[in-house]
């Protein structure tokens, strides 16, 4: 789970503001600045 989100003024928030889901529509999120280390360190948790 992710329960720490960026807040430039207060360090971080424990929740992320998101939109309600719309019926029949996909809702997409992006995690940015992940080009360093993440692909290399990733494991096979739950395969």
ModelCIF file with pLDDT and N, C-alpha, C, O atoms, coordinates in Angstrom:
data_MODEL
#
_entry.id   MODEL 
#
_entity.id                         1 
_entity.type                       polymer 
_entity.pdbx_number_of_molecules   1 
#
_entity_poly.entity_id                      1 
_entity_poly.type                           'polypeptide(L)' 
_entity_poly.nstd_linkage                   no 
_entity_poly.nstd_monomer                   no 
_entity_poly.pdbx_seq_one_letter_code       
;(UNK)(UNK)(UNK)(UNK)(UNK)(UNK)(UNK)(UNK)(UNK)(UNK)(UNK)(UNK)(UNK)(UNK)(UNK)(UNK)
(UNK)(UNK)(UNK)(UNK)(UNK)(UNK)(UNK)(UNK)(UNK)(UNK)(UNK)(UNK)(UNK)(UNK)(UNK)(UNK)
(UNK)(UNK)(UNK)(UNK)(UNK)(UNK)(UNK)(UNK)(UNK)(UNK)(UNK)(UNK)(UNK)(UNK)(UNK)
;
_entity_poly.pdbx_seq_one_letter_code_can   XXXXXXXXXXXXXXXXXXXXXXXXXXXXXXXXXXXXXXXXXXXXXXX 
_entity_poly.pdbx_strand_id                 A 
#
loop_
_entity_poly_seq.entity_id 
_entity_poly_seq.num 
_entity_poly_seq.mon_id 
_entity_poly_seq.hetero 
1 1  UNK n 
1 2  UNK n 
1 3  UNK n 
1 4  UNK n 
1 5  UNK n 
1 6  UNK n 
1 7  UNK n 
1 8  UNK n 
1 9  UNK n 
1 10 UNK n 
1 11 UNK n 
1 12 UNK n 
1 13 UNK n 
1 14 UNK n 
1 15 UNK n 
1 16 UNK n 
1 17 UNK n 
1 18 UNK n 
1 19 UNK n 
1 20 UNK n 
1 21 UNK n 
1 22 UNK n 
1 23 UNK n 
1 24 UNK n 
1 25 UNK n 
1 26 UNK n 
1 27 UNK n 
1 28 UNK n 
1 29 UNK n 
1 30 UNK n 
1 31 UNK n 
1 32 UNK n 
1 33 UNK n 
1 34 UNK n 
1 35 UNK n 
1 36 UNK n 
1 37 UNK n 
1 38 UNK n 
1 39 UNK n 
1 40 UNK n 
1 41 UNK n 
1 42 UNK n 
1 43 UNK n 
1 44 UNK n 
1 45 UNK n 
1 46 UNK n 
1 47 UNK n 
#
_struct_asym.id          A 
_struct_asym.entity_id   1 
#
loop_
_ma_qa_metric.id 
_ma_qa_metric.mode 
_ma_qa_metric.name 
_ma_qa_metric.software_group_id 
_ma_qa_metric.type 
1 global pLDDT . pLDDT 
2 local  pLDDT . pLDDT 
#
_ma_qa_metric_global.metric_id      1 
_ma_qa_metric_global.metric_value   89.19 
_ma_qa_metric_global.model_id       1 
_ma_qa_metric_global.ordinal_id     1 
#
loop_
_ma_qa_metric_local.label_asym_id 
_ma_qa_metric_local.label_comp_id 
_ma_qa_metric_local.label_seq_id 
_ma_qa_metric_local.metric_id 
_ma_qa_metric_local.metric_value 
_ma_qa_metric_local.model_id 
_ma_qa_metric_local.ordinal_id 
A UNK 1  2 93.00 1 1  
A UNK 2  2 94.00 1 2  
A UNK 3  2 93.00 1 3  
A UNK 4  2 93.00 1 4  
A UNK 5  2 95.00 1 5  
A UNK 6  2 93.00 1 6  
A UNK 7  2 87.00 1 7  
A UNK 8  2 72.00 1 8  
A UNK 9  2 73.00 1 9  
A UNK 10 2 73.00 1 10 
A UNK 11 2 74.00 1 11 
A UNK 12 2 86.00 1 12 
A UNK 13 2 90.00 1 13 
A UNK 14 2 91.00 1 14 
A UNK 15 2 93.00 1 15 
A UNK 16 2 96.00 1 16 
A UNK 17 2 96.00 1 17 
A UNK 18 2 97.00 1 18 
A UNK 19 2 97.00 1 19 
A UNK 20 2 96.00 1 20 
A UNK 21 2 94.00 1 21 
A UNK 22 2 92.00 1 22 
A UNK 23 2 90.00 1 23 
A UNK 24 2 89.00 1 24 
A UNK 25 2 94.00 1 25 
A UNK 26 2 96.00 1 26 
A UNK 27 2 97.00 1 27 
A UNK 28 2 98.00 1 28 
A UNK 29 2 98.00 1 29 
A UNK 30 2 98.00 1 30 
A UNK 31 2 98.00 1 31 
A UNK 32 2 97.00 1 32 
A UNK 33 2 97.00 1 33 
A UNK 34 2 96.00 1 34 
A UNK 35 2 94.00 1 35 
A UNK 36 2 93.00 1 36 
A UNK 37 2 92.00 1 37 
A UNK 38 2 90.00 1 38 
A UNK 39 2 85.00 1 39 
A UNK 40 2 81.00 1 40 
A UNK 41 2 82.00 1 41 
A UNK 42 2 80.00 1 42 
A UNK 43 2 74.00 1 43 
A UNK 44 2 73.00 1 44 
A UNK 45 2 76.00 1 45 
A UNK 46 2 80.00 1 46 
A UNK 47 2 76.00 1 47 
#
loop_
_atom_site.group_PDB 
_atom_site.id 
_atom_site.type_symbol 
_atom_site.label_atom_id 
_atom_site.label_alt_id 
_atom_site.label_comp_id 
_atom_site.label_asym_id 
_atom_site.label_entity_id 
_atom_site.label_seq_id 
_atom_site.pdbx_PDB_ins_code 
_atom_site.Cartn_x 
_atom_site.Cartn_y 
_atom_site.Cartn_z 
_atom_site.occupancy 
_atom_site.B_iso_or_equiv 
_atom_site.pdbx_formal_charge 
_atom_site.auth_seq_id 
_atom_site.auth_comp_id 
_atom_site.auth_asym_id 
_atom_site.auth_atom_id 
_atom_site.pdbx_PDB_model_num 
ATOM 1   N N  . UNK A 1 1  ? 0.842   -1.197  0.000   1.00 93.00 ? 1  UNK A N  1 
ATOM 2   C CA . UNK A 1 1  ? 0.000   0.000   0.000   1.00 93.00 ? 1  UNK A CA 1 
ATOM 3   C C  . UNK A 1 1  ? 0.871   1.239   0.000   1.00 93.00 ? 1  UNK A C  1 
ATOM 4   O O  . UNK A 1 1  ? 2.046   1.202   0.367   1.00 93.00 ? 1  UNK A O  1 
ATOM 5   N N  . UNK A 1 2  ? 0.266   2.335   -0.421  1.00 94.00 ? 2  UNK A N  1 
ATOM 6   C CA . UNK A 1 2  ? 0.927   3.647   -0.386  1.00 94.00 ? 2  UNK A CA 1 
ATOM 7   C C  . UNK A 1 2  ? 0.049   4.572   0.436   1.00 94.00 ? 2  UNK A C  1 
ATOM 8   O O  . UNK A 1 2  ? -1.092  4.850   0.065   1.00 94.00 ? 2  UNK A O  1 
ATOM 9   N N  . UNK A 1 3  ? 0.581   5.046   1.551   1.00 93.00 ? 3  UNK A N  1 
ATOM 10  C CA . UNK A 1 3  ? -0.182  5.957   2.406   1.00 93.00 ? 3  UNK A CA 1 
ATOM 11  C C  . UNK A 1 3  ? 0.655   7.158   2.837   1.00 93.00 ? 3  UNK A C  1 
ATOM 12  O O  . UNK A 1 3  ? 0.425   7.746   3.893   1.00 93.00 ? 3  UNK A O  1 
ATOM 13  N N  . UNK A 1 4  ? 1.644   7.514   1.989   1.00 93.00 ? 4  UNK A N  1 
ATOM 14  C CA . UNK A 1 4  ? 2.427   8.736   2.181   1.00 93.00 ? 4  UNK A CA 1 
ATOM 15  C C  . UNK A 1 4  ? 2.538   9.402   0.821   1.00 93.00 ? 4  UNK A C  1 
ATOM 16  O O  . UNK A 1 4  ? 3.052   8.814   -0.130  1.00 93.00 ? 4  UNK A O  1 
ATOM 17  N N  . UNK A 1 5  ? 2.052   10.631  0.738   1.00 95.00 ? 5  UNK A N  1 
ATOM 18  C CA . UNK A 1 5  ? 2.000   11.345  -0.533  1.00 95.00 ? 5  UNK A CA 1 
ATOM 19  C C  . UNK A 1 5  ? 2.602   12.732  -0.366  1.00 95.00 ? 5  UNK A C  1 
ATOM 20  O O  . UNK A 1 5  ? 2.555   13.315  0.717   1.00 95.00 ? 5  UNK A O  1 
ATOM 21  N N  . UNK A 1 6  ? 3.161   13.247  -1.434  1.00 93.00 ? 6  UNK A N  1 
ATOM 22  C CA . UNK A 1 6  ? 3.919   14.495  -1.373  1.00 93.00 ? 6  UNK A CA 1 
ATOM 23  C C  . UNK A 1 6  ? 3.036   15.674  -0.999  1.00 93.00 ? 6  UNK A C  1 
ATOM 24  O O  . UNK A 1 6  ? 1.947   15.858  -1.544  1.00 93.00 ? 6  UNK A O  1 
ATOM 25  N N  . UNK A 1 7  ? 3.528   16.463  -0.059  1.00 87.00 ? 7  UNK A N  1 
ATOM 26  C CA . UNK A 1 7  ? 2.963   17.765  0.277   1.00 87.00 ? 7  UNK A CA 1 
ATOM 27  C C  . UNK A 1 7  ? 4.147   18.715  0.451   1.00 87.00 ? 7  UNK A C  1 
ATOM 28  O O  . UNK A 1 7  ? 4.811   18.682  1.487   1.00 87.00 ? 7  UNK A O  1 
ATOM 29  N N  . UNK A 1 8  ? 4.424   19.565  -0.548  1.00 72.00 ? 8  UNK A N  1 
ATOM 30  C CA . UNK A 1 8  ? 5.618   20.417  -0.489  1.00 72.00 ? 8  UNK A CA 1 
ATOM 31  C C  . UNK A 1 8  ? 5.674   21.310  0.751   1.00 72.00 ? 8  UNK A C  1 
ATOM 32  O O  . UNK A 1 8  ? 6.762   21.658  1.211   1.00 72.00 ? 8  UNK A O  1 
ATOM 33  N N  . UNK A 1 9  ? 4.518   21.684  1.293   1.00 73.00 ? 9  UNK A N  1 
ATOM 34  C CA . UNK A 1 9  ? 4.504   22.568  2.449   1.00 73.00 ? 9  UNK A CA 1 
ATOM 35  C C  . UNK A 1 9  ? 4.682   21.812  3.770   1.00 73.00 ? 9  UNK A C  1 
ATOM 36  O O  . UNK A 1 9  ? 5.300   22.327  4.701   1.00 73.00 ? 9  UNK A O  1 
ATOM 37  N N  . UNK A 1 10 ? 4.142   20.590  3.851   1.00 73.00 ? 10 UNK A N  1 
ATOM 38  C CA . UNK A 1 10 ? 4.142   19.861  5.115   1.00 73.00 ? 10 UNK A CA 1 
ATOM 39  C C  . UNK A 1 10 ? 4.900   18.545  5.051   1.00 73.00 ? 10 UNK A C  1 
ATOM 40  O O  . UNK A 1 10 ? 4.761   17.719  5.953   1.00 73.00 ? 10 UNK A O  1 
ATOM 41  N N  . UNK A 1 11 ? 5.686   18.328  4.027   1.00 74.00 ? 11 UNK A N  1 
ATOM 42  C CA . UNK A 1 11 ? 6.443   17.090  3.912   1.00 74.00 ? 11 UNK A CA 1 
ATOM 43  C C  . UNK A 1 11 ? 5.659   16.016  3.189   1.00 74.00 ? 11 UNK A C  1 
ATOM 44  O O  . UNK A 1 11 ? 6.005   15.628  2.073   1.00 74.00 ? 11 UNK A O  1 
ATOM 45  N N  . UNK A 1 12 ? 4.586   15.527  3.834   1.00 86.00 ? 12 UNK A N  1 
ATOM 46  C CA . UNK A 1 12 ? 3.759   14.526  3.157   1.00 86.00 ? 12 UNK A CA 1 
ATOM 47  C C  . UNK A 1 12 ? 2.380   14.496  3.785   1.00 86.00 ? 12 UNK A C  1 
ATOM 48  O O  . UNK A 1 12 ? 2.185   14.899  4.932   1.00 86.00 ? 12 UNK A O  1 
ATOM 49  N N  . UNK A 1 13 ? 1.416   14.003  2.993   1.00 90.00 ? 13 UNK A N  1 
ATOM 50  C CA . UNK A 1 13 ? 0.059   13.751  3.459   1.00 90.00 ? 13 UNK A CA 1 
ATOM 51  C C  . UNK A 1 13 ? -0.151  12.251  3.560   1.00 90.00 ? 13 UNK A C  1 
ATOM 52  O O  . UNK A 1 13 ? 0.558   11.475  2.919   1.00 90.00 ? 13 UNK A O  1 
ATOM 53  N N  . UNK A 1 14 ? -1.116  11.842  4.359   1.00 91.00 ? 14 UNK A N  1 
ATOM 54  C CA . UNK A 1 14 ? -1.419  10.424  4.514   1.00 91.00 ? 14 UNK A CA 1 
ATOM 55  C C  . UNK A 1 14 ? -2.490  9.955   3.538   1.00 91.00 ? 14 UNK A C  1 
ATOM 56  O O  . UNK A 1 14 ? -2.763  8.758   3.447   1.00 91.00 ? 14 UNK A O  1 
ATOM 57  N N  . UNK A 1 15 ? -3.090  10.873  2.818   1.00 93.00 ? 15 UNK A N  1 
ATOM 58  C CA . UNK A 1 15 ? -4.078  10.503  1.803   1.00 93.00 ? 15 UNK A CA 1 
ATOM 59  C C  . UNK A 1 15 ? -3.812  11.296  0.532   1.00 93.00 ? 15 UNK A C  1 
ATOM 60  O O  . UNK A 1 15 ? -3.139  12.326  0.549   1.00 93.00 ? 15 UNK A O  1 
ATOM 61  N N  . UNK A 1 16 ? -4.360  10.788  -0.575  1.00 96.00 ? 16 UNK A N  1 
ATOM 62  C CA . UNK A 1 16 ? -4.202  11.428  -1.882  1.00 96.00 ? 16 UNK A CA 1 
ATOM 63  C C  . UNK A 1 16 ? -5.568  11.829  -2.403  1.00 96.00 ? 16 UNK A C  1 
ATOM 64  O O  . UNK A 1 16 ? -6.470  10.993  -2.447  1.00 96.00 ? 16 UNK A O  1 
ATOM 65  N N  . UNK A 1 17 ? -5.752  13.089  -2.803  1.00 96.00 ? 17 UNK A N  1 
ATOM 66  C CA . UNK A 1 17 ? -7.043  13.495  -3.391  1.00 96.00 ? 17 UNK A CA 1 
ATOM 67  C C  . UNK A 1 17 ? -7.227  12.842  -4.755  1.00 96.00 ? 17 UNK A C  1 
ATOM 68  O O  . UNK A 1 17 ? -6.367  12.956  -5.627  1.00 96.00 ? 17 UNK A O  1 
ATOM 69  N N  . UNK A 1 18 ? -8.353  12.158  -4.933  1.00 97.00 ? 18 UNK A N  1 
ATOM 70  C CA . UNK A 1 18 ? -8.659  11.486  -6.197  1.00 97.00 ? 18 UNK A CA 1 
ATOM 71  C C  . UNK A 1 18 ? -10.113 11.730  -6.573  1.00 97.00 ? 18 UNK A C  1 
ATOM 72  O O  . UNK A 1 18 ? -10.906 12.212  -5.765  1.00 97.00 ? 18 UNK A O  1 
ATOM 73  N N  . UNK A 1 19 ? -10.448 11.389  -7.811  1.00 97.00 ? 19 UNK A N  1 
ATOM 74  C CA . UNK A 1 19 ? -11.808 11.572  -8.303  1.00 97.00 ? 19 UNK A CA 1 
ATOM 75  C C  . UNK A 1 19 ? -12.637 10.314  -8.051  1.00 97.00 ? 19 UNK A C  1 
ATOM 76  O O  . UNK A 1 19 ? -12.090 9.213   -7.986  1.00 97.00 ? 19 UNK A O  1 
ATOM 77  N N  . UNK A 1 20 ? -13.943 10.472  -7.909  1.00 96.00 ? 20 UNK A N  1 
ATOM 78  C CA . UNK A 1 20 ? -14.806 9.287   -7.878  1.00 96.00 ? 20 UNK A CA 1 
ATOM 79  C C  . UNK A 1 20 ? -14.711 8.566   -9.216  1.00 96.00 ? 20 UNK A C  1 
ATOM 80  O O  . UNK A 1 20 ? -14.489 9.192   -10.253 1.00 96.00 ? 20 UNK A O  1 
ATOM 81  N N  . UNK A 1 21 ? -14.877 7.269   -9.188  1.00 94.00 ? 21 UNK A N  1 
ATOM 82  C CA . UNK A 1 21 ? -14.871 6.500   -10.432 1.00 94.00 ? 21 UNK A CA 1 
ATOM 83  C C  . UNK A 1 21 ? -16.148 6.784   -11.214 1.00 94.00 ? 21 UNK A C  1 
ATOM 84  O O  . UNK A 1 21 ? -17.223 6.928   -10.633 1.00 94.00 ? 21 UNK A O  1 
ATOM 85  N N  . UNK A 1 22 ? -16.021 6.863   -12.524 1.00 92.00 ? 22 UNK A N  1 
ATOM 86  C CA . UNK A 1 22 ? -17.179 7.037   -13.397 1.00 92.00 ? 22 UNK A CA 1 
ATOM 87  C C  . UNK A 1 22 ? -17.549 5.692   -14.005 1.00 92.00 ? 22 UNK A C  1 
ATOM 88  O O  . UNK A 1 22 ? -16.681 4.946   -14.457 1.00 92.00 ? 22 UNK A O  1 
ATOM 89  N N  . UNK A 1 23 ? -18.824 5.393   -14.014 1.00 90.00 ? 23 UNK A N  1 
ATOM 90  C CA . UNK A 1 23 ? -19.306 4.108   -14.503 1.00 90.00 ? 23 UNK A CA 1 
ATOM 91  C C  . UNK A 1 23 ? -18.857 3.873   -15.941 1.00 90.00 ? 23 UNK A C  1 
ATOM 92  O O  . UNK A 1 23 ? -19.081 4.704   -16.822 1.00 90.00 ? 23 UNK A O  1 
ATOM 93  N N  . UNK A 1 24 ? -18.217 2.722   -16.162 1.00 89.00 ? 24 UNK A N  1 
ATOM 94  C CA . UNK A 1 24 ? -17.825 2.329   -17.506 1.00 89.00 ? 24 UNK A CA 1 
ATOM 95  C C  . UNK A 1 24 ? -16.578 3.015   -18.033 1.00 89.00 ? 24 UNK A C  1 
ATOM 96  O O  . UNK A 1 24 ? -16.229 2.831   -19.199 1.00 89.00 ? 24 UNK A O  1 
ATOM 97  N N  . UNK A 1 25 ? -15.885 3.817   -17.195 1.00 94.00 ? 25 UNK A N  1 
ATOM 98  C CA . UNK A 1 25 ? -14.690 4.525   -17.643 1.00 94.00 ? 25 UNK A CA 1 
ATOM 99  C C  . UNK A 1 25 ? -13.489 4.107   -16.801 1.00 94.00 ? 25 UNK A C  1 
ATOM 100 O O  . UNK A 1 25 ? -13.604 3.916   -15.590 1.00 94.00 ? 25 UNK A O  1 
ATOM 101 N N  . UNK A 1 26 ? -12.338 3.966   -17.454 1.00 96.00 ? 26 UNK A N  1 
ATOM 102 C CA . UNK A 1 26 ? -11.105 3.675   -16.729 1.00 96.00 ? 26 UNK A CA 1 
ATOM 103 C C  . UNK A 1 26 ? -10.612 4.937   -16.023 1.00 96.00 ? 26 UNK A C  1 
ATOM 104 O O  . UNK A 1 26 ? -10.843 6.055   -16.483 1.00 96.00 ? 26 UNK A O  1 
ATOM 105 N N  . UNK A 1 27 ? -9.937  4.737   -14.913 1.00 97.00 ? 27 UNK A N  1 
ATOM 106 C CA . UNK A 1 27 ? -9.330  5.852   -14.179 1.00 97.00 ? 27 UNK A CA 1 
ATOM 107 C C  . UNK A 1 27 ? -7.846  5.543   -14.056 1.00 97.00 ? 27 UNK A C  1 
ATOM 108 O O  . UNK A 1 27 ? -7.465  4.518   -13.492 1.00 97.00 ? 27 UNK A O  1 
ATOM 109 N N  . UNK A 1 28 ? -7.002  6.441   -14.590 1.00 98.00 ? 28 UNK A N  1 
ATOM 110 C CA . UNK A 1 28 ? -5.572  6.189   -14.698 1.00 98.00 ? 28 UNK A CA 1 
ATOM 111 C C  . UNK A 1 28 ? -4.782  7.106   -13.766 1.00 98.00 ? 28 UNK A C  1 
ATOM 112 O O  . UNK A 1 28 ? -5.059  8.301   -13.661 1.00 98.00 ? 28 UNK A O  1 
ATOM 113 N N  . UNK A 1 29 ? -3.804  6.522   -13.100 1.00 98.00 ? 29 UNK A N  1 
ATOM 114 C CA . UNK A 1 29 ? -2.869  7.282   -12.276 1.00 98.00 ? 29 UNK A CA 1 
ATOM 115 C C  . UNK A 1 29 ? -1.464  7.118   -12.829 1.00 98.00 ? 29 UNK A C  1 
ATOM 116 O O  . UNK A 1 29 ? -1.152  6.133   -13.498 1.00 98.00 ? 29 UNK A O  1 
ATOM 117 N N  . UNK A 1 30 ? -0.619  8.106   -12.535 1.00 98.00 ? 30 UNK A N  1 
ATOM 118 C CA . UNK A 1 30 ? 0.784   8.032   -12.907 1.00 98.00 ? 30 UNK A CA 1 
ATOM 119 C C  . UNK A 1 30 ? 1.659   8.229   -11.687 1.00 98.00 ? 30 UNK A C  1 
ATOM 120 O O  . UNK A 1 30 ? 1.376   9.075   -10.839 1.00 98.00 ? 30 UNK A O  1 
ATOM 121 N N  . UNK A 1 31 ? 2.714   7.451   -11.601 1.00 98.00 ? 31 UNK A N  1 
ATOM 122 C CA . UNK A 1 31 ? 3.755   7.649   -10.583 1.00 98.00 ? 31 UNK A CA 1 
ATOM 123 C C  . UNK A 1 31 ? 4.982   8.144   -11.336 1.00 98.00 ? 31 UNK A C  1 
ATOM 124 O O  . UNK A 1 31 ? 5.517   7.444   -12.194 1.00 98.00 ? 31 UNK A O  1 
ATOM 125 N N  . UNK A 1 32 ? 5.421   9.350   -11.011 1.00 97.00 ? 32 UNK A N  1 
ATOM 126 C CA . UNK A 1 32 ? 6.453   10.030  -11.786 1.00 97.00 ? 32 UNK A CA 1 
ATOM 127 C C  . UNK A 1 32 ? 7.828   9.917   -11.111 1.00 97.00 ? 32 UNK A C  1 
ATOM 128 O O  . UNK A 1 32 ? 7.942   9.579   -9.933  1.00 97.00 ? 32 UNK A O  1 
ATOM 129 N N  . UNK A 1 33 ? 8.861   10.212  -11.902 1.00 97.00 ? 33 UNK A N  1 
ATOM 130 C CA . UNK A 1 33 ? 10.261  10.233  -11.440 1.00 97.00 ? 33 UNK A CA 1 
ATOM 131 C C  . UNK A 1 33 ? 10.729  8.857   -10.976 1.00 97.00 ? 33 UNK A C  1 
ATOM 132 O O  . UNK A 1 33 ? 11.478  8.755   -10.005 1.00 97.00 ? 33 UNK A O  1 
ATOM 133 N N  . UNK A 1 34 ? 10.297  7.803   -11.656 1.00 96.00 ? 34 UNK A N  1 
ATOM 134 C CA . UNK A 1 34 ? 10.626  6.445   -11.223 1.00 96.00 ? 34 UNK A CA 1 
ATOM 135 C C  . UNK A 1 34 ? 11.729  5.803   -12.067 1.00 96.00 ? 34 UNK A C  1 
ATOM 136 O O  . UNK A 1 34 ? 11.911  4.586   -12.024 1.00 96.00 ? 34 UNK A O  1 
ATOM 137 N N  . UNK A 1 35 ? 12.465  6.610   -12.832 1.00 94.00 ? 35 UNK A N  1 
ATOM 138 C CA . UNK A 1 35 ? 13.468  6.037   -13.730 1.00 94.00 ? 35 UNK A CA 1 
ATOM 139 C C  . UNK A 1 35 ? 14.702  5.493   -13.054 1.00 94.00 ? 35 UNK A C  1 
ATOM 140 O O  . UNK A 1 35 ? 15.448  4.728   -13.664 1.00 94.00 ? 35 UNK A O  1 
ATOM 141 N N  . UNK A 1 36 ? 14.945  5.873   -11.785 1.00 93.00 ? 36 UNK A N  1 
ATOM 142 C CA . UNK A 1 36 ? 16.168  5.458   -11.095 1.00 93.00 ? 36 UNK A CA 1 
ATOM 143 C C  . UNK A 1 36 ? 15.884  4.329   -10.116 1.00 93.00 ? 36 UNK A C  1 
ATOM 144 O O  . UNK A 1 36 ? 15.062  4.469   -9.211  1.00 93.00 ? 36 UNK A O  1 
ATOM 145 N N  . UNK A 1 37 ? 16.563  3.226   -10.305 1.00 92.00 ? 37 UNK A N  1 
ATOM 146 C CA . UNK A 1 37 ? 16.596  2.080   -9.386  1.00 92.00 ? 37 UNK A CA 1 
ATOM 147 C C  . UNK A 1 37 ? 15.341  1.212   -9.368  1.00 92.00 ? 37 UNK A C  1 
ATOM 148 O O  . UNK A 1 37 ? 15.461  0.015   -9.111  1.00 92.00 ? 37 UNK A O  1 
ATOM 149 N N  . UNK A 1 38 ? 14.136  1.745   -9.628  1.00 90.00 ? 38 UNK A N  1 
ATOM 150 C CA . UNK A 1 38 ? 12.928  0.970   -9.375  1.00 90.00 ? 38 UNK A CA 1 
ATOM 151 C C  . UNK A 1 38 ? 12.850  -0.309  -10.205 1.00 90.00 ? 38 UNK A C  1 
ATOM 152 O O  . UNK A 1 38 ? 12.496  -1.364  -9.679  1.00 90.00 ? 38 UNK A O  1 
ATOM 153 N N  . UNK A 1 39 ? 13.176  -0.227  -11.485 1.00 85.00 ? 39 UNK A N  1 
ATOM 154 C CA . UNK A 1 39 ? 13.103  -1.427  -12.320 1.00 85.00 ? 39 UNK A CA 1 
ATOM 155 C C  . UNK A 1 39 ? 14.160  -2.451  -11.914 1.00 85.00 ? 39 UNK A C  1 
ATOM 156 O O  . UNK A 1 39 ? 13.934  -3.659  -11.990 1.00 85.00 ? 39 UNK A O  1 
ATOM 157 N N  . UNK A 1 40 ? 15.313  -1.953  -11.485 1.00 81.00 ? 40 UNK A N  1 
ATOM 158 C CA . UNK A 1 40 ? 16.406  -2.836  -11.118 1.00 81.00 ? 40 UNK A CA 1 
ATOM 159 C C  . UNK A 1 40 ? 16.141  -3.542  -9.793  1.00 81.00 ? 40 UNK A C  1 
ATOM 160 O O  . UNK A 1 40 ? 16.483  -4.714  -9.635  1.00 81.00 ? 40 UNK A O  1 
ATOM 161 N N  . UNK A 1 41 ? 15.530  -2.831  -8.836  1.00 82.00 ? 41 UNK A N  1 
ATOM 162 C CA . UNK A 1 41 ? 15.337  -3.379  -7.499  1.00 82.00 ? 41 UNK A CA 1 
ATOM 163 C C  . UNK A 1 41 ? 14.080  -4.230  -7.375  1.00 82.00 ? 41 UNK A C  1 
ATOM 164 O O  . UNK A 1 41 ? 13.939  -4.981  -6.410  1.00 82.00 ? 41 UNK A O  1 
ATOM 165 N N  . UNK A 1 42 ? 13.162  -4.125  -8.340  1.00 80.00 ? 42 UNK A N  1 
ATOM 166 C CA . UNK A 1 42 ? 11.880  -4.809  -8.220  1.00 80.00 ? 42 UNK A CA 1 
ATOM 167 C C  . UNK A 1 42 ? 12.028  -6.322  -8.051  1.00 80.00 ? 42 UNK A C  1 
ATOM 168 O O  . UNK A 1 42 ? 12.919  -6.938  -8.635  1.00 80.00 ? 42 UNK A O  1 
ATOM 169 N N  . UNK A 1 43 ? 11.132  -6.914  -7.234  1.00 74.00 ? 43 UNK A N  1 
ATOM 170 C CA . UNK A 1 43 ? 11.196  -8.349  -7.007  1.00 74.00 ? 43 UNK A CA 1 
ATOM 171 C C  . UNK A 1 43 ? 9.945   -9.045  -7.550  1.00 74.00 ? 43 UNK A C  1 
ATOM 172 O O  . UNK A 1 43 ? 9.117   -8.422  -8.214  1.00 74.00 ? 43 UNK A O  1 
ATOM 173 N N  . UNK A 1 44 ? 9.821   -10.327 -7.263  1.00 73.00 ? 44 UNK A N  1 
ATOM 174 C CA . UNK A 1 44 ? 8.734   -11.133 -7.811  1.00 73.00 ? 44 UNK A CA 1 
ATOM 175 C C  . UNK A 1 44 ? 7.701   -11.475 -6.751  1.00 73.00 ? 44 UNK A C  1 
ATOM 176 O O  . UNK A 1 44 ? 7.174   -12.588 -6.736  1.00 73.00 ? 44 UNK A O  1 
ATOM 177 N N  . UNK A 1 45 ? 7.405   -10.529 -5.862  1.00 76.00 ? 45 UNK A N  1 
ATOM 178 C CA . UNK A 1 45 ? 6.397   -10.760 -4.836  1.00 76.00 ? 45 UNK A CA 1 
ATOM 179 C C  . UNK A 1 45 ? 5.095   -11.212 -5.496  1.00 76.00 ? 45 UNK A C  1 
ATOM 180 O O  . UNK A 1 45 ? 4.611   -10.583 -6.436  1.00 76.00 ? 45 UNK A O  1 
ATOM 181 N N  . UNK A 1 46 ? 4.530   -12.328 -4.980  1.00 80.00 ? 46 UNK A N  1 
ATOM 182 C CA . UNK A 1 46 ? 3.330   -12.930 -5.574  1.00 80.00 ? 46 UNK A CA 1 
ATOM 183 C C  . UNK A 1 46 ? 3.526   -13.309 -7.040  1.00 80.00 ? 46 UNK A C  1 
ATOM 184 O O  . UNK A 1 46 ? 2.558   -13.530 -7.767  1.00 80.00 ? 46 UNK A O  1 
ATOM 185 N N  . UNK A 1 47 ? 4.789   -13.382 -7.468  1.00 76.00 ? 47 UNK A N  1 
ATOM 186 C CA . UNK A 1 47 ? 5.118   -13.716 -8.857  1.00 76.00 ? 47 UNK A CA 1 
ATOM 187 C C  . UNK A 1 47 ? 4.506   -12.748 -9.862  1.00 76.00 ? 47 UNK A C  1 
ATOM 188 O O  . UNK A 1 47 ? 4.698   -12.907 -11.068 1.00 76.00 ? 47 UNK A O  1 
#
